[in-house]
Amino acid sequence: MSDSLFHTNLKQKTHTFVMLVYDITEHFPKTELYGVSSQMQRASLSILLNYVEGYARFKPKVKLNFLKYPMVQRKNVSIYFF
């Protein structure tokens, strides 16, 4: 798989994940608007944004550092689901 195709597929999957989280949290109680639902939305969006920013970096160590952030955010979001 080429680097460009991998990037496109991963970006598409992370976008789908963000939209899924937003759809799910839309049905949370209004009392959670500024609590859990907000945290889940911000964390899921952070996954996508950090991945895209990391992919745009040229220095390998800096790129790798940015690509570690989404893994941590994914764990944060998954805690709420399980």
C-alpha atoms as a PDB file:
ATOM      1  CA  MET A   1       0.000   0.000   0.000  1.00  0.00           C
ATOM      2  CA  SER A   2       1.424   3.351  -0.957  1.00  0.00           C
ATOM      3  CA  ASP A   3       2.016   6.032   1.645  1.00  0.00           C
ATOM      4  CA  SER A   4      -0.567   8.309   0.043  1.00  0.00           C
ATOM      5  CA  LEU A   5      -3.232   5.588  -0.057  1.00  0.00           C
ATOM      6  CA  PHE A   6      -2.520   4.663   3.562  1.00  0.00           C
ATOM      7  CA  HIS A   7      -2.820   8.329   4.589  1.00  0.00           C
ATOM      8  CA  THR A   8      -6.101   8.722   2.708  1.00  0.00           C
ATOM      9  CA  ASN A   9      -7.606   5.557   4.206  1.00  0.00           C
ATOM     10  CA  LEU A  10      -6.536   6.414   7.730  1.00  0.00           C
ATOM     11  CA  LYS A  11      -7.827   9.963   7.458  1.00  0.00           C
ATOM     12  CA  GLN A  12     -11.148   8.636   6.166  1.00  0.00           C
ATOM     13  CA  LYS A  13     -11.447   6.126   9.023  1.00  0.00           C
ATOM     14  CA  THR A  14     -10.592   8.680  11.679  1.00  0.00           C
ATOM     15  CA  HIS A  15     -13.145  11.083  10.208  1.00  0.00           C
ATOM     16  CA  THR A  16     -15.767   8.325  10.330  1.00  0.00           C
ATOM     17  CA  PHE A  17     -14.840   7.687  13.967  1.00  0.00           C
ATOM     18  CA  VAL A  18     -15.205  11.388  14.842  1.00  0.00           C
ATOM     19  CA  MET A  19     -18.624  11.522  13.189  1.00  0.00           C
ATOM     20  CA  LEU A  20     -19.681   8.347  15.058  1.00  0.00           C
ATOM     21  CA  VAL A  21     -18.666   9.855  18.401  1.00  0.00           C
ATOM     22  CA  TYR A  22     -20.566  13.069  17.616  1.00  0.00           C
ATOM     23  CA  ASP A  23     -23.649  11.045  16.614  1.00  0.00           C
ATOM     24  CA  ILE A  24     -23.519   8.975  19.797  1.00  0.00           C
ATOM     25  CA  THR A  25     -22.932  11.924  22.136  1.00  0.00           C
ATOM     26  CA  GLU A  26     -25.815  13.813  20.522  1.00  0.00           C
ATOM     27  CA  HIS A  27     -28.133  11.425  22.360  1.00  0.00           C
ATOM     28  CA  PHE A  28     -26.516  11.914  25.770  1.00  0.00           C
ATOM     29  CA  PRO A  29     -28.524  13.717  28.455  1.00  0.00           C
ATOM     30  CA  LYS A  30     -28.333  17.508  28.365  1.00  0.00           C
ATOM     31  CA  THR A  31     -26.712  17.408  31.804  1.00  0.00           C
ATOM     32  CA  GLU A  32     -23.635  15.903  30.116  1.00  0.00           C
ATOM     33  CA  LEU A  33     -23.375  18.648  27.492  1.00  0.00           C
ATOM     34  CA  TYR A  34     -20.305  20.185  29.132  1.00  0.00           C
ATOM     35  CA  GLY A  35     -19.080  16.985  30.734  1.00  0.00           C
ATOM     36  CA  VAL A  36     -18.534  13.575  29.222  1.00  0.00           C
ATOM     37  CA  SER A  37     -20.000  14.326  25.792  1.00  0.00           C
ATOM     38  CA  SER A  38     -17.813  17.403  25.344  1.00  0.00           C
ATOM     39  CA  GLN A  39     -14.727  15.500  26.463  1.00  0.00           C
ATOM     40  CA  MET A  40     -15.456  12.633  24.069  1.00  0.00           C
ATOM     41  CA  GLN A  41     -16.031  15.008  21.155  1.00  0.00           C
ATOM     42  CA  ARG A  42     -12.833  16.961  21.805  1.00  0.00           C
ATOM     43  CA  ALA A  43     -10.766  13.792  22.266  1.00  0.00           C
ATOM     44  CA  SER A  44     -12.092  12.186  19.074  1.00  0.00           C
ATOM     45  CA  LEU A  45     -11.471  15.327  17.049  1.00  0.00           C
ATOM     46  CA  SER A  46      -7.992  15.548  18.540  1.00  0.00           C
ATOM     47  CA  ILE A  47      -7.228  12.101  17.106  1.00  0.00           C
ATOM     48  CA  LEU A  48      -7.885  13.330  13.584  1.00  0.00           C
ATOM     49  CA  LEU A  49      -6.182  16.702  13.977  1.00  0.00           C
ATOM     50  CA  ASN A  50      -3.015  15.314  15.580  1.00  0.00           C
ATOM     51  CA  TYR A  51      -2.734  12.633  12.925  1.00  0.00           C
ATOM     52  CA  VAL A  52      -3.047  15.168  10.097  1.00  0.00           C
ATOM     53  CA  GLU A  53      -0.590  17.559  11.743  1.00  0.00           C
ATOM     54  CA  GLY A  54       1.888  14.746  12.387  1.00  0.00           C
ATOM     55  CA  TYR A  55       1.638  13.526   8.829  1.00  0.00           C
ATOM     56  CA  ALA A  56       2.535  17.009   7.573  1.00  0.00           C
ATOM     57  CA  ARG A  57       5.767  17.128   9.612  1.00  0.00           C
ATOM     58  CA  PHE A  58       9.040  16.421   7.833  1.00  0.00           C
ATOM     59  CA  LYS A  59      11.404  15.447  10.649  1.00  0.00           C
ATOM     60  CA  PRO A  60      10.846  11.773  11.556  1.00  0.00           C
ATOM     61  CA  LYS A  61      11.134  12.253  15.337  1.00  0.00           C
ATOM     62  CA  VAL A  62       8.669  15.144  15.321  1.00  0.00           C
ATOM     63  CA  LYS A  63       6.300  13.208  13.055  1.00  0.00           C
ATOM     64  CA  LEU A  64       6.459  10.176  15.329  1.00  0.00           C
ATOM     65  CA  ASN A  65       5.741  12.343  18.351  1.00  0.00           C
ATOM     66  CA  PHE A  66       2.588  13.752  16.746  1.00  0.00           C
ATOM     67  CA  LEU A  67       1.466  10.280  15.717  1.00  0.00           C
ATOM     68  CA  LYS A  68       1.658   9.077  19.347  1.00  0.00           C
ATOM     69  CA  TYR A  69      -0.923  11.626  20.532  1.00  0.00           C
ATOM     70  CA  PRO A  70      -3.840  10.050  18.634  1.00  0.00           C
ATOM     71  CA  MET A  71      -3.144   6.697  20.273  1.00  0.00           C
ATOM     72  CA  VAL A  72      -3.487   8.265  23.724  1.00  0.00           C
ATOM     73  CA  GLN A  73      -6.660  10.134  22.737  1.00  0.00           C
ATOM     74  CA  ARG A  74      -8.160   6.943  21.308  1.00  0.00           C
ATOM     75  CA  LYS A  75      -7.657   5.274  24.683  1.00  0.00           C
ATOM     76  CA  ASN A  76      -9.344   8.231  26.389  1.00  0.00           C
ATOM     77  CA  VAL A  77     -12.406   7.929  24.157  1.00  0.00           C
ATOM     78  CA  SER A  78     -12.590   4.128  24.410  1.00  0.00           C
ATOM     79  CA  ILE A  79     -12.752   4.334  28.215  1.00  0.00           C
ATOM     80  CA  TYR A  80     -16.182   5.951  27.913  1.00  0.00           C
ATOM     81  CA  PHE A  81     -17.506   3.223  25.612  1.00  0.00           C
ATOM     82  CA  PHE A  82     -16.409   0.211  27.624  1.00  0.00           C
END
